């Protein structure tokens, strides 16, 4: 399709859709910056999550916040047994039943439809809840760093199920599409059958691993100080890094702290000291935040977490400056939310105005 035909198609599509604004979600998020002055409970952002209504939940170093696009509702620990179990959030998880779980340094809470929390008992050496995973059967697995607990719906308790071979911190878990549980420690990678917790295989890591990310295609990215490797979970062997990655000395000499899937097939890669990168695996192109082709403005702050919601809004959490919202698609379509919704996640070759 030529650029002129693309522009013409977009024009008539916008005219056709102008009468259907009521089909859009009522929860819209404008690009912006949010901090204590916006009534956010704390500026140290730990995690994000989206509920079934499209509201965004923000976990901080002091309290939980729900954002509807206009204002925040704060949830803090109190003496009430139906309140949040602790103010220091670690992870937010929405399960297959659309339940919202909130993990803290001192246990975890489930948010109920009545607006109250249920705090579940956790068996294990500590109560520092790091991450929840779910397999295809709906079984929930809770990582406590040095152990794994499994949710028993009958007793409503997370039962201790597995000790982790300790080789330092951090230890991270991932669930793949085959219901295999992947445990990454700094020195080894372990693969378990999630249904039986039987150890299926293990691998030595090529260096001290400080961060890991499992892609939907089965690639397990393992990152350390000035090192990066990929374990192919489909074949069980290590893969060569793409030339687009190895050819970038700035990335290879940095330490990756976070990877967020972006626009279906791409990846946002955050580093400790070199900023943010966008990697396009299909074309093996790596773009730094300073490049003119980078899709959005990156805040001048220490990034702690990145999250993309169902409307392709990018939420960027920082260590001490609150969070930022960016939507590259909305910027590309000049604020037209109808076209933004229509083309979210699609590769747009070019945009231009019709001179006729």
Protein backbone atom coordinates (compact mmCIF):
# COMPACT_ATOMS: atom_id res chain seq x y z
CA UNK A 1 0.00 0.00 0.00
CA UNK A 2 1.37 3.44 -0.93
CA UNK A 3 1.62 6.19 1.66
CA UNK A 4 -1.10 8.15 -0.14
CA UNK A 5 -3.49 5.17 -0.02
CA UNK A 6 -2.64 4.64 3.65
CA UNK A 7 -3.44 8.26 4.45
CA UNK A 8 -6.70 8.07 2.48
CA UNK A 9 -7.72 4.89 4.30
CA UNK A 10 -6.99 6.44 7.68
CA UNK A 11 -8.97 9.55 6.75
CA UNK A 12 -12.13 7.69 5.76
CA UNK A 13 -11.74 5.34 8.72
CA UNK A 14 -11.70 8.32 11.08
CA UNK A 15 -14.85 9.72 9.47
CA UNK A 16 -16.60 6.35 9.70
CA UNK A 17 -15.68 5.80 13.33
CA UNK A 18 -16.51 9.29 14.58
CA UNK A 19 -20.01 8.20 15.55
CA UNK A 20 -18.87 5.31 17.71
CA UNK A 21 -17.10 7.04 20.58
CA UNK A 22 -19.27 5.22 23.09
CA UNK A 23 -17.50 1.96 22.25
CA UNK A 24 -14.30 3.22 23.83
CA UNK A 25 -13.45 2.47 27.43
CA UNK A 26 -14.42 5.27 29.79
CA UNK A 27 -10.99 4.91 31.40
CA UNK A 28 -8.59 6.98 29.31
CA UNK A 29 -5.10 8.00 30.42
CA UNK A 30 -3.49 11.17 29.13
CA UNK A 31 0.27 11.50 28.88
CA UNK A 32 1.61 13.09 32.02
CA UNK A 33 3.60 13.01 35.25
CA UNK A 34 2.18 11.99 38.62
CA UNK A 35 3.73 12.42 42.07
CA UNK A 36 2.84 13.36 45.66
CA UNK A 37 1.30 16.59 44.41
CA UNK A 38 -1.17 14.44 42.43
CA UNK A 39 -2.23 12.67 45.67
CA UNK A 40 -0.05 9.64 44.96
CA UNK A 41 0.81 7.98 48.30
CA UNK A 42 4.55 7.74 47.60
CA UNK A 43 6.98 8.58 44.79
CA UNK A 44 8.97 5.32 45.01
CA UNK A 45 7.19 3.20 42.39
CA UNK A 46 7.56 -0.58 42.75
CA UNK A 47 4.95 -2.14 40.42
CA UNK A 48 1.87 -1.63 38.23
CA UNK A 49 -1.18 -3.72 37.39
CA UNK A 50 -4.48 -3.37 35.53
CA UNK A 51 -7.82 -4.72 36.74
CA UNK A 52 -10.76 -5.92 34.63
CA UNK A 53 -12.32 -2.45 34.68
CA UNK A 54 -9.23 -0.86 33.14
CA UNK A 55 -8.13 0.89 36.34
CA UNK A 56 -4.39 1.01 36.97
CA UNK A 57 -3.02 -0.02 40.36
CA UNK A 58 0.30 1.42 41.49
CA UNK A 59 2.36 -0.22 44.22
CA UNK A 60 4.81 2.07 46.02
CA UNK A 61 7.23 2.07 48.91
CA UNK A 62 4.41 3.40 51.06
CA UNK A 63 0.97 2.26 50.05
CA UNK A 64 -1.16 1.11 47.15
CA UNK A 65 -2.97 3.42 44.73
CA UNK A 66 -5.77 2.93 42.21
CA UNK A 67 -5.88 5.37 39.29
CA UNK A 68 -8.94 5.95 37.11
CA UNK A 69 -7.30 8.45 34.79
CA UNK A 70 -8.34 11.46 36.86
CA UNK A 71 -7.73 10.79 40.53
CA UNK A 72 -6.11 8.34 42.95
CA UNK A 73 -7.64 6.17 45.64
CA UNK A 74 -5.13 5.27 48.34
CA UNK A 75 -4.98 1.99 50.28
CA UNK A 76 -2.75 1.83 53.35
CA UNK A 77 -2.06 -0.58 56.17
CA UNK A 78 -4.12 0.05 59.31
CA UNK A 79 -5.31 -1.82 62.38
CA UNK A 80 -8.28 -3.15 60.41
CA UNK A 81 -7.98 -6.83 59.43
CA UNK A 82 -9.61 -6.05 56.07
CA UNK A 83 -6.94 -3.49 55.15
CA UNK A 84 -3.79 -3.99 53.09
CA UNK A 85 -1.34 -6.27 54.90
CA UNK A 86 1.69 -3.97 54.45
CA UNK A 87 2.56 -0.65 52.80
CA UNK A 88 5.68 -1.82 50.95
CA UNK A 89 4.45 -3.34 47.69
CA UNK A 90 6.50 -5.82 45.63
CA UNK A 91 4.26 -7.19 42.88
CA UNK A 92 0.72 -6.91 41.49
CA UNK A 93 -0.93 -9.88 39.80
CA UNK A 94 -4.29 -10.36 38.08
CA UNK A 95 -5.18 -14.04 37.86
CA UNK A 96 -7.35 -15.93 35.37
CA UNK A 97 -10.43 -15.24 37.52
CA UNK A 98 -9.73 -11.47 37.33
CA UNK A 99 -8.80 -11.38 41.02
CA UNK A 100 -6.22 -8.78 42.03
CA UNK A 101 -3.36 -9.95 44.28
CA UNK A 102 -1.02 -7.50 45.98
CA UNK A 103 2.32 -8.80 47.24
CA UNK A 104 4.26 -7.00 49.96
CA UNK A 105 7.39 -7.49 52.06
CA UNK A 106 5.19 -8.91 54.82
CA UNK A 107 2.57 -11.09 53.15
CA UNK A 108 -0.03 -10.69 50.42
CA UNK A 109 -3.57 -9.37 50.09
CA UNK A 110 -6.46 -10.15 47.75
CA UNK A 111 -8.76 -7.27 46.82
CA UNK A 112 -12.46 -8.12 47.04
CA UNK A 113 -15.49 -6.73 45.20
CA UNK A 114 -16.63 -5.09 48.45
CA UNK A 115 -13.52 -2.90 48.46
CA UNK A 116 -11.85 -4.77 51.32
CA UNK A 117 -8.76 -6.98 51.40
CA UNK A 118 -8.33 -10.60 52.48
CA UNK A 119 -4.88 -11.36 53.87
CA UNK A 120 -3.87 -14.98 53.29
CA UNK A 121 -1.50 -17.03 55.48
CA UNK A 122 1.86 -17.83 53.89
CA UNK A 123 3.96 -20.85 54.85
CA UNK A 124 7.71 -20.56 54.36
CA UNK A 125 10.93 -19.24 55.87
CA UNK A 126 9.74 -15.63 55.48
CA UNK A 127 6.78 -13.52 54.36
CA UNK A 128 8.62 -11.46 51.73
CA UNK A 129 6.33 -12.12 48.75
CA UNK A 130 8.09 -11.41 45.46
CA UNK A 131 5.99 -12.79 42.62
CA UNK A 132 2.90 -14.87 41.80
CA UNK A 133 2.67 -17.16 38.78
CA UNK A 134 -0.27 -19.19 37.46
CA UNK A 135 -0.33 -22.28 35.24
CA UNK A 136 -3.03 -23.28 32.74
CA UNK A 137 -4.96 -25.17 35.44
CA UNK A 138 -5.28 -22.04 37.58
CA UNK A 139 -2.79 -23.13 40.25
CA UNK A 140 -1.05 -20.18 41.91
CA UNK A 141 2.64 -20.26 42.85
CA UNK A 142 4.17 -17.75 45.24
CA UNK A 143 7.89 -16.92 45.24
CA UNK A 144 9.42 -16.03 48.60
CA UNK A 145 12.95 -15.68 47.26
CA UNK A 146 14.39 -18.76 48.94
CA UNK A 147 11.32 -20.96 48.61
CA UNK A 148 8.12 -21.54 46.66
CA UNK A 149 4.59 -21.89 48.07
CA UNK A 150 1.45 -23.14 46.30
CA UNK A 151 -2.05 -21.86 46.99
CA UNK A 152 -4.45 -24.38 48.55
CA UNK A 153 -7.99 -23.08 47.87
CA UNK A 154 -9.54 -25.42 50.46
CA UNK A 155 -7.45 -24.18 53.38
CA UNK A 156 -7.00 -20.74 51.75
CA UNK A 157 -3.30 -20.90 52.54
CA UNK A 158 -0.13 -20.69 50.50
CA UNK A 159 1.52 -24.00 51.45
CA UNK A 160 5.29 -24.41 51.44
CA UNK A 161 6.19 -26.63 48.48
CA UNK A 162 9.80 -26.17 47.36
CA UNK A 163 13.12 -25.00 48.75
CA UNK A 164 15.46 -23.18 46.40
CA UNK A 165 19.11 -24.11 46.00
CA UNK A 166 20.67 -20.93 47.35
CA UNK A 167 23.46 -19.31 45.34
CA UNK A 168 22.83 -15.68 46.18
CA UNK A 169 20.18 -13.16 45.24
CA UNK A 170 18.10 -12.42 43.28
CA UNK A 171 16.10 -15.56 42.48
CA UNK A 172 13.35 -15.17 39.88
CA UNK A 173 10.56 -17.42 38.60
CA UNK A 174 8.83 -17.68 35.21
CA UNK A 175 5.98 -19.85 33.87
CA UNK A 176 6.08 -20.87 30.21
CA UNK A 177 3.25 -21.92 27.90
CA UNK A 178 3.94 -25.60 28.58
CA UNK A 179 3.31 -25.15 32.31
CA UNK A 180 6.98 -25.46 33.08
CA UNK A 181 8.29 -23.45 36.01
CA UNK A 182 11.66 -21.78 35.43
CA UNK A 183 13.76 -20.75 38.41
CA UNK A 184 16.72 -18.47 37.72
CA UNK A 185 19.38 -18.04 40.39
CA UNK A 186 22.65 -16.14 39.96
CA UNK A 187 24.54 -19.40 39.26
CA UNK A 188 21.99 -21.88 37.84
CA UNK A 189 18.72 -22.20 35.93
CA UNK A 190 16.22 -24.89 36.97
CA UNK A 191 13.21 -26.22 35.07
CA UNK A 192 10.33 -27.85 36.99
CA UNK A 193 7.06 -29.45 36.00
CA UNK A 194 4.63 -27.05 37.68
CA UNK A 195 2.02 -29.77 38.23
CA UNK A 196 4.32 -32.17 40.08
CA UNK A 197 7.21 -29.82 41.00
CA UNK A 198 9.55 -32.47 39.62
CA UNK A 199 12.92 -31.10 38.54
CA UNK A 200 13.26 -31.74 34.80
CA UNK A 201 16.61 -30.11 33.99
CA UNK A 202 19.17 -27.54 35.13
CA UNK A 203 21.88 -25.41 33.51
CA UNK A 204 24.91 -23.54 34.73
CA UNK A 205 24.75 -19.83 33.98
CA UNK A 206 27.56 -18.15 31.99
CA UNK A 207 28.04 -15.56 34.72
CA UNK A 208 26.42 -14.00 37.77
CA UNK A 209 22.79 -13.41 36.78
CA UNK A 210 21.09 -10.39 38.33
CA UNK A 211 18.01 -10.21 36.09
CA UNK A 212 16.04 -12.53 33.82
CA UNK A 213 13.11 -12.25 31.41
CA UNK A 214 11.16 -15.01 29.65
CA UNK A 215 9.78 -14.04 26.25
CA UNK A 216 6.61 -15.57 24.81
CA UNK A 217 8.70 -17.31 22.14
CA UNK A 218 10.58 -19.32 24.78
CA UNK A 219 13.77 -17.26 24.93
CA UNK A 220 15.00 -16.82 28.49
CA UNK A 221 17.17 -13.68 28.60
CA UNK A 222 19.79 -13.77 31.36
CA UNK A 223 21.53 -10.53 32.28
CA UNK A 224 24.38 -9.61 34.58
CA UNK A 225 27.04 -6.92 34.88
CA UNK A 226 28.19 -6.25 31.29
CA UNK A 227 26.91 -9.64 30.16
CA UNK A 228 23.85 -11.03 28.41
CA UNK A 229 22.94 -14.52 27.23
CA UNK A 230 19.85 -16.32 25.92
CA UNK A 231 18.74 -19.80 26.98
CA UNK A 232 16.35 -21.31 24.44
CA UNK A 233 13.82 -23.15 26.61
CA UNK A 234 12.46 -24.97 23.54
CA UNK A 235 15.75 -26.67 22.67
CA UNK A 236 17.45 -26.56 26.06
CA UNK A 237 20.59 -24.90 24.70
CA UNK A 238 22.13 -21.46 24.75
CA UNK A 239 21.56 -19.35 21.63
CA UNK A 240 23.83 -16.79 20.01
CA UNK A 241 22.92 -13.21 20.73
CA UNK A 242 21.46 -11.30 17.75
CA UNK A 243 23.99 -9.10 15.90
CA UNK A 244 21.83 -6.06 16.59
CA UNK A 245 22.43 -6.63 20.31
CA UNK A 246 26.10 -7.63 20.27
CA UNK A 247 26.92 -4.79 17.88
CA UNK A 248 25.81 -2.16 20.36
CA UNK A 249 28.67 -1.55 22.78
CA UNK A 250 26.59 0.81 24.91
CA UNK A 251 24.10 -1.94 25.76
CA UNK A 252 26.68 -4.71 26.06
CA UNK A 253 28.72 -2.62 28.52
CA UNK A 254 25.74 -1.87 30.74
CA UNK A 255 23.66 -3.76 33.29
CA UNK A 256 20.09 -4.58 32.30
CA UNK A 257 17.63 -3.96 35.13
CA UNK A 258 14.25 -4.46 33.44
CA UNK A 259 12.71 -5.78 30.21
CA UNK A 260 9.12 -5.02 29.23
CA UNK A 261 7.35 -6.50 26.17
CA UNK A 262 6.23 -3.66 23.93
CA UNK A 263 3.82 -3.49 20.99
CA UNK A 264 3.47 -7.31 20.83
CA UNK A 265 6.78 -8.19 19.15
CA UNK A 266 9.22 -5.65 20.59
CA UNK A 267 11.05 -5.14 23.89
CA UNK A 268 11.88 -2.14 26.06
CA UNK A 269 15.22 -2.78 27.74
CA UNK A 270 16.16 -0.58 30.70
CA UNK A 271 19.73 -0.32 31.97
CA UNK A 272 21.28 0.94 35.17
CA UNK A 273 23.46 3.59 33.57
CA UNK A 274 22.88 3.77 29.81
CA UNK A 275 19.19 4.61 29.66
CA UNK A 276 16.37 2.87 27.82
CA UNK A 277 16.53 0.87 24.58
CA UNK A 278 13.87 -0.41 22.19
CA UNK A 279 14.67 -3.72 20.51
CA UNK A 280 12.81 -4.93 17.40
CA UNK A 281 13.57 -8.67 17.11
CA UNK A 282 11.89 -9.14 13.72
CA UNK A 283 14.30 -6.69 12.09
CA UNK A 284 17.11 -7.00 14.67
CA UNK A 285 17.16 -3.24 15.25
CA UNK A 286 18.14 -1.65 18.57
CA UNK A 287 17.15 1.97 19.21
CA UNK A 288 18.46 4.08 22.10
CA UNK A 289 16.25 6.62 23.84
CA UNK A 290 18.38 9.44 22.42
CA UNK A 291 17.64 8.38 18.83
CA UNK A 292 15.03 10.35 16.90
CA UNK A 293 13.23 7.08 16.06
CA UNK A 294 12.61 6.20 19.70
CA UNK A 295 8.80 6.16 20.08
CA UNK A 296 8.37 8.35 23.18
CA UNK A 297 10.12 10.78 25.52
CA UNK A 298 11.93 9.10 28.40
CA UNK A 299 11.89 10.90 31.78
CA UNK A 300 15.11 12.07 33.36
CA UNK A 301 14.84 9.77 36.36
CA UNK A 302 15.94 6.39 37.69
CA UNK A 303 13.48 3.91 36.19
CA UNK A 304 12.37 1.09 38.48
CA UNK A 305 9.60 -0.55 36.45
CA UNK A 306 7.75 -0.29 33.13
CA UNK A 307 4.23 -1.48 32.35
CA UNK A 308 2.07 -1.52 29.21
CA UNK A 309 -1.69 -1.65 29.75
CA UNK A 310 -4.42 -3.02 27.46
CA UNK A 311 -4.66 0.33 25.63
CA UNK A 312 -0.92 0.49 24.88
CA UNK A 313 -0.29 3.19 27.48
CA UNK A 314 3.26 2.95 28.81
CA UNK A 315 3.59 3.51 32.57
CA UNK A 316 7.13 4.35 33.66
CA UNK A 317 7.81 4.07 37.39
CA UNK A 318 10.77 5.81 38.99
CA UNK A 319 12.76 5.48 42.19
CA UNK A 320 11.80 8.84 43.71
CA UNK A 321 9.88 10.92 41.13
CA UNK A 322 6.55 9.16 40.83
CA UNK A 323 5.48 7.82 37.44
CA UNK A 324 4.97 8.94 33.87
CA UNK A 325 2.46 7.92 31.20
CA UNK A 326 3.35 7.78 27.52
CA UNK A 327 1.26 6.60 24.56
CA UNK A 328 3.26 6.59 21.29
CA UNK A 329 0.19 5.60 19.24
CA UNK A 330 -1.90 8.49 20.54
CA UNK A 331 0.96 10.86 19.78
CA UNK A 332 1.23 9.46 16.25
CA UNK A 333 -2.48 10.03 15.57
CA UNK A 334 -2.60 13.53 16.99
CA UNK A 335 -4.72 12.59 19.98
CA UNK A 336 -7.44 10.81 17.97
CA UNK A 337 -8.42 8.05 20.40
CA UNK A 338 -10.51 6.21 17.80
CA UNK A 339 -7.57 5.76 15.45
CA UNK A 340 -5.31 5.01 18.39
CA UNK A 341 -7.55 2.14 19.46
CA UNK A 342 -7.88 0.86 15.88
CA UNK A 343 -4.15 0.76 15.17
CA UNK A 344 -2.75 -0.12 18.61
CA UNK A 345 -0.21 -2.91 18.21
CA UNK A 346 -0.05 -2.62 14.43
CA UNK A 347 3.03 -1.60 12.47
CA UNK A 348 2.37 1.78 10.81
CA UNK A 349 4.76 2.38 7.92
CA UNK A 350 4.28 6.12 7.66
CA UNK A 351 1.89 8.99 8.35
CA UNK A 352 1.34 12.16 6.37
CA UNK A 353 -1.33 14.75 5.66
CA UNK A 354 -3.25 14.74 2.38
CA UNK A 355 -2.36 17.86 0.41
CA UNK A 356 -5.34 17.58 -1.91
